[in-house]
């Protein structure tokens, strides 16, 4: 029978699992760091639109429409405001070139 000290001295300590664990942790850390760096480098910017001068359309009912010059469309005898999703008839309104905020 072996004593306690002999038992522990005969048993080789296994560094394989500790090394494997540390290697996996380092790989995960490197992957996370690279992923964060790669995502921070990607910047998607919309192209700058040239919408023309700022104008105010004074409608016949007394209301005002603040818009840009290139969003006003003139077809035949009518004048329209063409927005991103809608089209408004502004026929009869007066266009005033004004720098609004």
PDB file of N, CA and C in Angstrom:
ATOM      1  N   UNK A   1       0.825  -1.171   0.000  1.00  0.00           N
ATOM      2  CA  UNK A   1       0.000   0.000   0.000  1.00  0.00           C
ATOM      3  C   UNK A   1       0.879   1.249   0.000  1.00  0.00           C
ATOM      4  N   UNK A   2       0.425   2.260  -0.744  1.00  0.00           N
ATOM      5  CA  UNK A   2       1.188   3.501  -0.868  1.00  0.00           C
ATOM      6  C   UNK A   2       0.691   4.536   0.133  1.00  0.00           C
ATOM      7  N   UNK A   3       1.635   5.310   0.596  1.00  0.00           N
ATOM      8  CA  UNK A   3       1.230   6.410   1.477  1.00  0.00           C
ATOM      9  C   UNK A   3       0.658   7.547   0.622  1.00  0.00           C
ATOM     10  N   UNK A   4       0.138   8.532   1.283  1.00  0.00           N
ATOM     11  CA  UNK A   4      -0.469   9.651   0.541  1.00  0.00           C
ATOM     12  C   UNK A   4       0.548  10.396  -0.309  1.00  0.00           C
ATOM     13  N   UNK A   5       1.672  10.660   0.231  1.00  0.00           N
ATOM     14  CA  UNK A   5       2.685  11.401  -0.516  1.00  0.00           C
ATOM     15  C   UNK A   5       3.168  10.608  -1.721  1.00  0.00           C
ATOM     16  N   UNK A   6       3.322   9.315  -1.573  1.00  0.00           N
ATOM     17  CA  UNK A   6       3.752   8.496  -2.704  1.00  0.00           C
ATOM     18  C   UNK A   6       2.679   8.454  -3.788  1.00  0.00           C
ATOM     19  N   UNK A   7       1.433   8.406  -3.373  1.00  0.00           N
ATOM     20  CA  UNK A   7       0.341   8.361  -4.334  1.00  0.00           C
ATOM     21  C   UNK A   7       0.316   9.635  -5.197  1.00  0.00           C
ATOM     22  N   UNK A   8       0.500  10.782  -4.566  1.00  0.00           N
ATOM     23  CA  UNK A   8       0.466  12.043  -5.306  1.00  0.00           C
ATOM     24  C   UNK A   8       1.729  12.242  -6.134  1.00  0.00           C
ATOM     25  N   UNK A   9       2.849  11.715  -5.689  1.00  0.00           N
ATOM     26  CA  UNK A   9       4.075  11.860  -6.458  1.00  0.00           C
ATOM     27  C   UNK A   9       4.070  10.966  -7.688  1.00  0.00           C
ATOM     28  N   UNK A  10       3.456   9.815  -7.605  1.00  0.00           N
ATOM     29  CA  UNK A  10       3.432   8.908  -8.739  1.00  0.00           C
ATOM     30  C   UNK A  10       2.451   9.358  -9.825  1.00  0.00           C
ATOM     31  N   UNK A  11       1.455  10.093  -9.446  1.00  0.00           N
ATOM     32  CA  UNK A  11       0.435  10.511 -10.390  1.00  0.00           C
ATOM     33  C   UNK A  11       0.913  11.759 -11.143  1.00  0.00           C
ATOM     34  N   UNK A  12       1.120  11.669 -12.428  1.00  0.00           N
ATOM     35  CA  UNK A  12       1.539  12.874 -13.159  1.00  0.00           C
ATOM     36  C   UNK A  12       0.353  13.842 -13.294  1.00  0.00           C
ATOM     37  N   UNK A  13       0.643  15.112 -13.139  1.00  0.00           N
ATOM     38  CA  UNK A  13      -0.414  16.115 -13.246  1.00  0.00           C
ATOM     39  C   UNK A  13      -0.704  16.363 -14.723  1.00  0.00           C
ATOM     40  N   UNK A  14      -1.951  16.453 -15.029  1.00  0.00           N
ATOM     41  CA  UNK A  14      -2.361  16.626 -16.419  1.00  0.00           C
ATOM     42  C   UNK A  14      -2.550  18.112 -16.736  1.00  0.00           C
ATOM     43  N   UNK A  15      -1.673  18.630 -17.584  1.00  0.00           N
ATOM     44  CA  UNK A  15      -1.793  20.019 -18.019  1.00  0.00           C
ATOM     45  C   UNK A  15      -2.533  20.116 -19.348  1.00  0.00           C
ATOM     46  N   UNK A  16      -2.880  18.981 -19.908  1.00  0.00           N
ATOM     47  CA  UNK A  16      -3.542  18.972 -21.216  1.00  0.00           C
ATOM     48  C   UNK A  16      -4.880  19.708 -21.171  1.00  0.00           C
ATOM     49  N   UNK A  17      -5.702  19.399 -20.177  1.00  0.00           N
ATOM     50  CA  UNK A  17      -7.030  20.017 -20.109  1.00  0.00           C
ATOM     51  C   UNK A  17      -6.948  21.503 -19.774  1.00  0.00           C
ATOM     52  N   UNK A  18      -5.990  21.868 -18.921  1.00  0.00           N
ATOM     53  CA  UNK A  18      -5.812  23.287 -18.607  1.00  0.00           C
ATOM     54  C   UNK A  18      -5.352  24.053 -19.846  1.00  0.00           C
ATOM     55  N   UNK A  19      -4.424  23.484 -20.575  1.00  0.00           N
ATOM     56  CA  UNK A  19      -3.932  24.128 -21.798  1.00  0.00           C
ATOM     57  C   UNK A  19      -5.015  24.235 -22.855  1.00  0.00           C
ATOM     58  N   UNK A  20      -5.804  23.176 -22.995  1.00  0.00           N
ATOM     59  CA  UNK A  20      -6.904  23.191 -23.957  1.00  0.00           C
ATOM     60  C   UNK A  20      -7.936  24.251 -23.581  1.00  0.00           C
ATOM     61  N   UNK A  21      -8.264  24.333 -22.307  1.00  0.00           N
ATOM     62  CA  UNK A  21      -9.229  25.321 -21.828  1.00  0.00           C
ATOM     63  C   UNK A  21      -8.728  26.743 -22.083  1.00  0.00           C
ATOM     64  N   UNK A  22      -7.472  27.000 -21.778  1.00  0.00           N
ATOM     65  CA  UNK A  22      -6.892  28.329 -21.998  1.00  0.00           C
ATOM     66  C   UNK A  22      -6.848  28.656 -23.488  1.00  0.00           C
ATOM     67  N   UNK A  23      -6.503  27.668 -24.322  1.00  0.00           N
ATOM     68  CA  UNK A  23      -6.462  27.895 -25.768  1.00  0.00           C
ATOM     69  C   UNK A  23      -7.852  28.227 -26.312  1.00  0.00           C
ATOM     70  N   UNK A  24      -8.874  27.542 -25.826  1.00  0.00           N
ATOM     71  CA  UNK A  24     -10.243  27.820 -26.279  1.00  0.00           C
ATOM     72  C   UNK A  24     -10.668  29.222 -25.851  1.00  0.00           C
ATOM     73  N   UNK A  25     -10.372  29.605 -24.627  1.00  0.00           N
ATOM     74  CA  UNK A  25     -10.724  30.943 -24.131  1.00  0.00           C
ATOM     75  C   UNK A  25     -10.007  32.021 -24.947  1.00  0.00           C
ATOM     76  N   UNK A  26      -8.726  31.811 -25.253  1.00  0.00           N
ATOM     77  CA  UNK A  26      -7.971  32.782 -26.053  1.00  0.00           C
ATOM     78  C   UNK A  26      -8.560  32.888 -27.459  1.00  0.00           C
ATOM     79  N   UNK A  27      -8.923  31.756 -28.063  1.00  0.00           N
ATOM     80  CA  UNK A  27      -9.524  31.782 -29.405  1.00  0.00           C
ATOM     81  C   UNK A  27     -10.856  32.524 -29.405  1.00  0.00           C
ATOM     82  N   UNK A  28     -11.674  32.291 -28.396  1.00  0.00           N
ATOM     83  CA  UNK A  28     -12.960  32.997 -28.308  1.00  0.00           C
ATOM     84  C   UNK A  28     -12.727  34.499 -28.132  1.00  0.00           C
ATOM     85  N   UNK A  29     -11.765  34.863 -27.311  1.00  0.00           N
ATOM     86  CA  UNK A  29     -11.443  36.279 -27.107  1.00  0.00           C
ATOM     87  C   UNK A  29     -10.945  36.939 -28.380  1.00  0.00           C
ATOM     88  N   UNK A  30     -10.065  36.255 -29.111  1.00  0.00           N
ATOM     89  CA  UNK A  30      -9.566  36.806 -30.375  1.00  0.00           C
ATOM     90  C   UNK A  30     -10.676  36.941 -31.403  1.00  0.00           C
ATOM     91  N   UNK A  31     -11.556  35.954 -31.466  1.00  0.00           N
ATOM     92  CA  UNK A  31     -12.679  36.019 -32.400  1.00  0.00           C
ATOM     93  C   UNK A  31     -13.597  37.192 -32.064  1.00  0.00           C
ATOM     94  N   UNK A  32     -13.898  37.379 -30.778  1.00  0.00           N
ATOM     95  CA  UNK A  32     -14.768  38.484 -30.362  1.00  0.00           C
ATOM     96  C   UNK A  32     -14.115  39.832 -30.660  1.00  0.00           C
ATOM     97  N   UNK A  33     -12.820  39.947 -30.411  1.00  0.00           N
ATOM     98  CA  UNK A  33     -12.116  41.204 -30.678  1.00  0.00           C
ATOM     99  C   UNK A  33     -12.093  41.507 -32.174  1.00  0.00           C
ATOM    100  N   UNK A  34     -11.807  40.516 -32.993  1.00  0.00           N
ATOM    101  CA  UNK A  34     -11.786  40.724 -34.440  1.00  0.00           C
ATOM    102  C   UNK A  34     -13.175  41.071 -34.966  1.00  0.00           C
ATOM    103  N   UNK A  35     -14.197  40.395 -34.442  1.00  0.00           N
ATOM    104  CA  UNK A  35     -15.571  40.660 -34.867  1.00  0.00           C
ATOM    105  C   UNK A  35     -15.967  42.097 -34.525  1.00  0.00           C
ATOM    106  N   UNK A  36     -15.638  42.551 -33.328  1.00  0.00           N
ATOM    107  CA  UNK A  36     -15.942  43.926 -32.918  1.00  0.00           C
ATOM    108  C   UNK A  36     -15.196  44.928 -33.799  1.00  0.00           C
ATOM    109  N   UNK A  37     -13.926  44.667 -34.073  1.00  0.00           N
ATOM    110  CA  UNK A  37     -13.131  45.556 -34.921  1.00  0.00           C
ATOM    111  C   UNK A  37     -13.698  45.614 -36.336  1.00  0.00           C
ATOM    112  N   UNK A  38     -14.067  44.470 -36.890  1.00  0.00           N
ATOM    113  CA  UNK A  38     -14.591  44.432 -38.260  1.00  0.00           C
ATOM    114  C   UNK A  38     -15.918  45.180 -38.360  1.00  0.00           C
ATOM    115  N   UNK A  39     -16.782  45.024 -37.375  1.00  0.00           N
ATOM    116  CA  UNK A  39     -18.070  45.726 -37.406  1.00  0.00           C
ATOM    117  C   UNK A  39     -17.901  47.227 -37.235  1.00  0.00           C
ATOM    118  N   UNK A  40     -16.898  47.655 -36.494  1.00  0.00           N
ATOM    119  CA  UNK A  40     -16.698  49.090 -36.299  1.00  0.00           C
ATOM    120  C   UNK A  40     -16.116  49.745 -37.553  1.00  0.00           C
ATOM    121  N   UNK A  41     -15.504  48.968 -38.435  1.00  0.00           N
ATOM    122  CA  UNK A  41     -14.928  49.525 -39.654  1.00  0.00           C
ATOM    123  C   UNK A  41     -15.953  49.713 -40.765  1.00  0.00           C
ATOM    124  N   UNK A  42     -17.076  49.025 -40.681  1.00  0.00           N
ATOM    125  CA  UNK A  42     -18.096  49.106 -41.721  1.00  0.00           C
ATOM    126  C   UNK A  42     -18.997  50.292 -41.427  1.00  0.00           C
ATOM    127  N   UNK A  43     -19.037  51.238 -42.343  1.00  0.00           N
ATOM    128  CA  UNK A  43     -19.915  52.396 -42.196  1.00  0.00           C
ATOM    129  C   UNK A  43     -20.680  52.570 -43.497  1.00  0.00           C
ATOM    130  N   UNK A  44     -21.985  52.502 -43.391  1.00  0.00           N
ATOM    131  CA  UNK A  44     -22.839  52.664 -44.559  1.00  0.00           C
ATOM    132  C   UNK A  44     -23.496  54.034 -44.457  1.00  0.00           C
ATOM    133  N   UNK A  45     -23.226  54.861 -45.429  1.00  0.00           N
ATOM    134  CA  UNK A  45     -23.798  56.200 -45.434  1.00  0.00           C
ATOM    135  C   UNK A  45     -24.646  56.368 -46.683  1.00  0.00           C
ATOM    136  N   UNK A  46     -25.787  56.967 -46.497  1.00  0.00           N
ATOM    137  CA  UNK A  46     -26.664  57.234 -47.631  1.00  0.00           C
ATOM    138  C   UNK A  46     -26.072  58.378 -48.448  1.00  0.00           C
ATOM    139  N   UNK A  47     -26.247  58.320 -49.752  1.00  0.00           N
ATOM    140  CA  UNK A  47     -25.736  59.417 -50.569  1.00  0.00           C
ATOM    141  C   UNK A  47     -26.474  60.711 -50.237  1.00  0.00           C
ATOM    142  N   UNK A  48     -25.751  61.795 -50.274  1.00  0.00           N
ATOM    143  CA  UNK A  48     -26.346  63.081 -49.943  1.00  0.00           C
ATOM    144  C   UNK A  48     -27.221  63.545 -51.097  1.00  0.00           C
ATOM    145  N   UNK A  49     -28.449  63.878 -50.786  1.00  0.00           N
ATOM    146  CA  UNK A  49     -29.378  64.299 -51.828  1.00  0.00           C
ATOM    147  C   UNK A  49     -29.324  65.811 -51.980  1.00  0.00           C
ATOM    148  N   UNK A  50     -29.311  66.256 -53.210  1.00  0.00           N
ATOM    149  CA  UNK A  50     -29.374  67.675 -53.513  1.00  0.00           C
ATOM    150  C   UNK A  50     -30.828  68.020 -53.791  1.00  0.00           C
ATOM    151  N   UNK A  51     -31.507  68.588 -52.806  1.00  0.00           N
ATOM    152  CA  UNK A  51     -32.933  68.861 -52.930  1.00  0.00           C
ATOM    153  C   UNK A  51     -33.231  70.286 -53.378  1.00  0.00           C
ATOM    154  N   UNK A  52     -32.220  71.080 -53.584  1.00  0.00           N
ATOM    155  CA  UNK A  52     -32.448  72.447 -54.047  1.00  0.00           C
ATOM    156  C   UNK A  52     -32.633  73.415 -52.890  1.00  0.00           C
ATOM    157  N   UNK A  53     -33.112  74.605 -53.252  1.00  0.00           N
ATOM    158  CA  UNK A  53     -33.299  75.659 -52.258  1.00  0.00           C
ATOM    159  C   UNK A  53     -34.518  75.387 -51.388  1.00  0.00           C
ATOM    160  N   UNK A  54     -34.519  75.992 -50.211  1.00  0.00           N
ATOM    161  CA  UNK A  54     -35.666  75.868 -49.312  1.00  0.00           C
ATOM    162  C   UNK A  54     -36.747  76.841 -49.760  1.00  0.00           C
ATOM    163  N   UNK A  55     -37.973  76.346 -49.813  1.00  0.00           N
ATOM    164  CA  UNK A  55     -39.092  77.189 -50.234  1.00  0.00           C
ATOM    165  C   UNK A  55     -40.261  77.008 -49.274  1.00  0.00           C
ATOM    166  N   UNK A  56     -41.139  78.011 -49.287  1.00  0.00           N
ATOM    167  CA  UNK A  56     -42.390  77.948 -48.541  1.00  0.00           C
ATOM    168  C   UNK A  56     -43.498  78.141 -49.563  1.00  0.00           C
ATOM    169  N   UNK A  57     -44.449  77.216 -49.572  1.00  0.00           N
ATOM    170  CA  UNK A  57     -45.605  77.342 -50.464  1.00  0.00           C
ATOM    171  C   UNK A  57     -46.763  77.851 -49.615  1.00  0.00           C
ATOM    172  N   UNK A  58     -47.259  79.034 -49.971  1.00  0.00           N
ATOM    173  CA  UNK A  58     -48.411  79.599 -49.272  1.00  0.00           C
ATOM    174  C   UNK A  58     -49.661  79.144 -50.005  1.00  0.00           C
ATOM    175  N   UNK A  59     -50.442  78.294 -49.355  1.00  0.00           N
ATOM    176  CA  UNK A  59     -51.629  77.704 -49.967  1.00  0.00           C
ATOM    177  C   UNK A  59     -52.801  78.689 -49.925  1.00  0.00           C
ATOM    178  N   UNK A  60     -53.791  78.505 -50.810  1.00  0.00           N
ATOM    179  CA  UNK A  60     -54.936  79.422 -50.850  1.00  0.00           C
ATOM    180  C   UNK A  60     -55.737  79.461 -49.538  1.00  0.00           C
ATOM    181  N   UNK A  61     -55.713  78.397 -48.749  1.00  0.00           N
ATOM    182  CA  UNK A  61     -56.476  78.382 -47.496  1.00  0.00           C
ATOM    183  C   UNK A  61     -55.712  79.021 -46.338  1.00  0.00           C
ATOM    184  N   UNK A  62     -54.527  79.573 -46.594  1.00  0.00           N
ATOM    185  CA  UNK A  62     -53.764  80.282 -45.569  1.00  0.00           C
ATOM    186  C   UNK A  62     -52.671  79.455 -44.912  1.00  0.00           C
ATOM    187  N   UNK A  63     -52.631  78.175 -45.166  1.00  0.00           N
ATOM    188  CA  UNK A  63     -51.601  77.324 -44.571  1.00  0.00           C
ATOM    189  C   UNK A  63     -50.309  77.433 -45.369  1.00  0.00           C
ATOM    190  N   UNK A  64     -49.212  77.020 -44.734  1.00  0.00           N
ATOM    191  CA  UNK A  64     -47.902  77.054 -45.387  1.00  0.00           C
ATOM    192  C   UNK A  64     -47.309  75.655 -45.430  1.00  0.00           C
ATOM    193  N   UNK A  65     -46.598  75.374 -46.509  1.00  0.00           N
ATOM    194  CA  UNK A  65     -45.926  74.091 -46.679  1.00  0.00           C
ATOM    195  C   UNK A  65     -44.438  74.373 -46.853  1.00  0.00           C
ATOM    196  N   UNK A  66     -43.625  73.916 -45.907  1.00  0.00           N
ATOM    197  CA  UNK A  66     -42.170  74.102 -45.960  1.00  0.00           C
ATOM    198  C   UNK A  66     -41.576  72.890 -46.664  1.00  0.00           C
ATOM    199  N   UNK A  67     -40.850  73.133 -47.748  1.00  0.00           N
ATOM    200  CA  UNK A  67     -40.294  72.023 -48.524  1.00  0.00           C
ATOM    201  C   UNK A  67     -39.056  72.490 -49.284  1.00  0.00           C
ATOM    202  N   UNK A  68     -38.593  71.654 -50.186  1.00  0.00           N
ATOM    203  CA  UNK A  68     -37.445  71.978 -51.020  1.00  0.00           C
ATOM    204  C   UNK A  68     -37.892  72.130 -52.469  1.00  0.00           C
ATOM    205  N   UNK A  69     -37.090  72.842 -53.227  1.00  0.00           N
ATOM    206  CA  UNK A  69     -37.446  73.198 -54.595  1.00  0.00           C
ATOM    207  C   UNK A  69     -37.629  71.981 -55.498  1.00  0.00           C
ATOM    208  N   UNK A  70     -36.793  70.976 -55.344  1.00  0.00           N
ATOM    209  CA  UNK A  70     -36.863  69.813 -56.239  1.00  0.00           C
ATOM    210  C   UNK A  70     -38.008  68.860 -55.921  1.00  0.00           C
ATOM    211  N   UNK A  71     -38.714  69.085 -54.816  1.00  0.00           N
ATOM    212  CA  UNK A  71     -39.852  68.235 -54.478  1.00  0.00           C
ATOM    213  C   UNK A  71     -41.157  68.789 -55.045  1.00  0.00           C
ATOM    214  N   UNK A  72     -41.089  69.921 -55.735  1.00  0.00           N
ATOM    215  CA  UNK A  72     -42.275  70.516 -56.356  1.00  0.00           C
ATOM    216  C   UNK A  72     -42.282  70.116 -57.826  1.00  0.00           C
ATOM    217  N   UNK A  73     -43.393  69.538 -58.260  1.00  0.00           N
ATOM    218  CA  UNK A  73     -43.527  69.066 -59.638  1.00  0.00           C
ATOM    219  C   UNK A  73     -44.640  69.860 -60.306  1.00  0.00           C
ATOM    220  N   UNK A  74     -44.358  70.349 -61.501  1.00  0.00           N
ATOM    221  CA  UNK A  74     -45.385  71.067 -62.266  1.00  0.00           C
ATOM    222  C   UNK A  74     -45.751  70.224 -63.474  1.00  0.00           C
ATOM    223  N   UNK A  75     -47.018  69.789 -63.527  1.00  0.00           N
ATOM    224  CA  UNK A  75     -47.539  69.020 -64.657  1.00  0.00           C
ATOM    225  C   UNK A  75     -48.709  69.788 -65.244  1.00  0.00           C
ATOM    226  N   UNK A  76     -48.597  70.087 -66.511  1.00  0.00           N
ATOM    227  CA  UNK A  76     -49.627  70.837 -67.230  1.00  0.00           C
ATOM    228  C   UNK A  76     -49.956  72.112 -66.458  1.00  0.00           C
ATOM    229  N   UNK A  77     -51.177  72.258 -65.984  1.00  0.00           N
ATOM    230  CA  UNK A  77     -51.596  73.463 -65.272  1.00  0.00           C
ATOM    231  C   UNK A  77     -51.532  73.297 -63.754  1.00  0.00           C
ATOM    232  N   UNK A  78     -51.146  72.124 -63.282  1.00  0.00           N
ATOM    233  CA  UNK A  78     -51.195  71.839 -61.845  1.00  0.00           C
ATOM    234  C   UNK A  78     -49.796  71.793 -61.238  1.00  0.00           C
ATOM    235  N   UNK A  79     -49.755  72.023 -59.930  1.00  0.00           N
ATOM    236  CA  UNK A  79     -48.499  71.983 -59.191  1.00  0.00           C
ATOM    237  C   UNK A  79     -48.679  70.981 -58.039  1.00  0.00           C
ATOM    238  N   UNK A  80     -47.703  70.067 -57.884  1.00  0.00           N
ATOM    239  CA  UNK A  80     -47.784  69.016 -56.875  1.00  0.00           C
ATOM    240  C   UNK A  80     -46.547  69.050 -55.988  1.00  0.00           C
ATOM    241  N   UNK A  81     -46.754  68.651 -54.741  1.00  0.00           N
ATOM    242  CA  UNK A  81     -45.644  68.371 -53.835  1.00  0.00           C
ATOM    243  C   UNK A  81     -45.485  66.858 -53.814  1.00  0.00           C
ATOM    244  N   UNK A  82     -44.334  66.365 -54.268  1.00  0.00           N
ATOM    245  CA  UNK A  82     -44.076  64.921 -54.308  1.00  0.00           C
ATOM    246  C   UNK A  82     -43.161  64.573 -53.139  1.00  0.00           C
ATOM    247  N   UNK A  83     -43.759  63.998 -52.085  1.00  0.00           N
ATOM    248  CA  UNK A  83     -42.981  63.577 -50.923  1.00  0.00           C
ATOM    249  C   UNK A  83     -42.443  62.175 -51.120  1.00  0.00           C
ATOM    250  N   UNK A  84     -41.925  61.609 -50.051  1.00  0.00           N
ATOM    251  CA  UNK A  84     -41.367  60.264 -50.132  1.00  0.00           C
ATOM    252  C   UNK A  84     -42.461  59.226 -50.345  1.00  0.00           C
ATOM    253  N   UNK A  85     -43.622  59.429 -49.710  1.00  0.00           N
ATOM    254  CA  UNK A  85     -44.695  58.441 -49.810  1.00  0.00           C
ATOM    255  C   UNK A  85     -46.006  59.012 -50.335  1.00  0.00           C
ATOM    256  N   UNK A  86     -46.099  60.319 -50.468  1.00  0.00           N
ATOM    257  CA  UNK A  86     -47.376  60.891 -50.870  1.00  0.00           C
ATOM    258  C   UNK A  86     -47.199  61.990 -51.908  1.00  0.00           C
ATOM    259  N   UNK A  87     -48.304  62.363 -52.517  1.00  0.00           N
ATOM    260  CA  UNK A  87     -48.317  63.409 -53.529  1.00  0.00           C
ATOM    261  C   UNK A  87     -49.477  64.342 -53.186  1.00  0.00           C
ATOM    262  N   UNK A  88     -49.179  65.624 -52.978  1.00  0.00           N
ATOM    263  CA  UNK A  88     -50.187  66.585 -52.555  1.00  0.00           C
ATOM    264  C   UNK A  88     -50.363  67.631 -53.648  1.00  0.00           C
ATOM    265  N   UNK A  89     -51.607  67.915 -53.960  1.00  0.00           N
ATOM    266  CA  UNK A  89     -51.928  68.942 -54.952  1.00  0.00           C
ATOM    267  C   UNK A  89     -51.843  70.309 -54.274  1.00  0.00           C
ATOM    268  N   UNK A  90     -50.926  71.149 -54.720  1.00  0.00           N
ATOM    269  CA  UNK A  90     -50.758  72.494 -54.158  1.00  0.00           C
ATOM    270  C   UNK A  90     -51.023  73.553 -55.223  1.00  0.00           C
ATOM    271  N   UNK A  91     -51.903  73.236 -56.155  1.00  0.00           N
ATOM    272  CA  UNK A  91     -52.241  74.165 -57.227  1.00  0.00           C
ATOM    273  C   UNK A  91     -52.857  75.423 -56.626  1.00  0.00           C
ATOM    274  N   UNK A  92     -52.424  76.573 -57.112  1.00  0.00           N
ATOM    275  CA  UNK A  92     -52.937  77.851 -56.623  1.00  0.00           C
ATOM    276  C   UNK A  92     -52.098  78.432 -55.505  1.00  0.00           C
ATOM    277  N   UNK A  93     -51.095  77.718 -55.050  1.00  0.00           N
ATOM    278  CA  UNK A  93     -50.233  78.230 -53.983  1.00  0.00           C
ATOM    279  C   UNK A  93     -49.127  79.103 -54.544  1.00  0.00           C
ATOM    280  N   UNK A  94     -48.662  80.037 -53.741  1.00  0.00           N
ATOM    281  CA  UNK A  94     -47.563  80.920 -54.137  1.00  0.00           C
ATOM    282  C   UNK A  94     -46.264  80.388 -53.551  1.00  0.00           C
ATOM    283  N   UNK A  95     -45.225  80.329 -54.382  1.00  0.00           N
ATOM    284  CA  UNK A  95     -43.919  79.844 -53.935  1.00  0.00           C
ATOM    285  C   UNK A  95     -43.093  81.030 -53.472  1.00  0.00           C
ATOM    286  N   UNK A  96     -42.616  80.959 -52.234  1.00  0.00           N
ATOM    287  CA  UNK A  96     -41.769  82.006 -51.668  1.00  0.00           C
ATOM    288  C   UNK A  96     -40.443  81.354 -51.294  1.00  0.00           C
ATOM    289  N   UNK A  97     -39.342  81.892 -51.819  1.00  0.00           N
ATOM    290  CA  UNK A  97     -38.018  81.354 -51.495  1.00  0.00           C
ATOM    291  C   UNK A  97     -37.581  81.948 -50.162  1.00  0.00           C
ATOM    292  N   UNK A  98     -37.495  81.094 -49.161  1.00  0.00           N
ATOM    293  CA  UNK A  98     -37.221  81.555 -47.808  1.00  0.00           C
ATOM    294  C   UNK A  98     -36.382  80.500 -47.100  1.00  0.00           C
ATOM    295  N   UNK A  99     -35.405  80.931 -46.327  1.00  0.00           N
ATOM    296  CA  UNK A  99     -34.556  79.999 -45.580  1.00  0.00           C
ATOM    297  C   UNK A  99     -35.218  79.706 -44.243  1.00  0.00           C
ATOM    298  N   UNK A 100     -35.911  78.588 -44.164  1.00  0.00           N
ATOM    299  CA  UNK A 100     -36.618  78.209 -42.943  1.00  0.00           C
ATOM    300  C   UNK A 100     -35.790  77.222 -42.147  1.00  0.00           C
ATOM    301  N   UNK A 101     -36.080  77.102 -40.883  1.00  0.00           N
ATOM    302  CA  UNK A 101     -35.375  76.164 -39.994  1.00  0.00           C
ATOM    303  C   UNK A 101     -36.293  75.057 -39.594  1.00  0.00           C
TER     304      UNK A 101
END
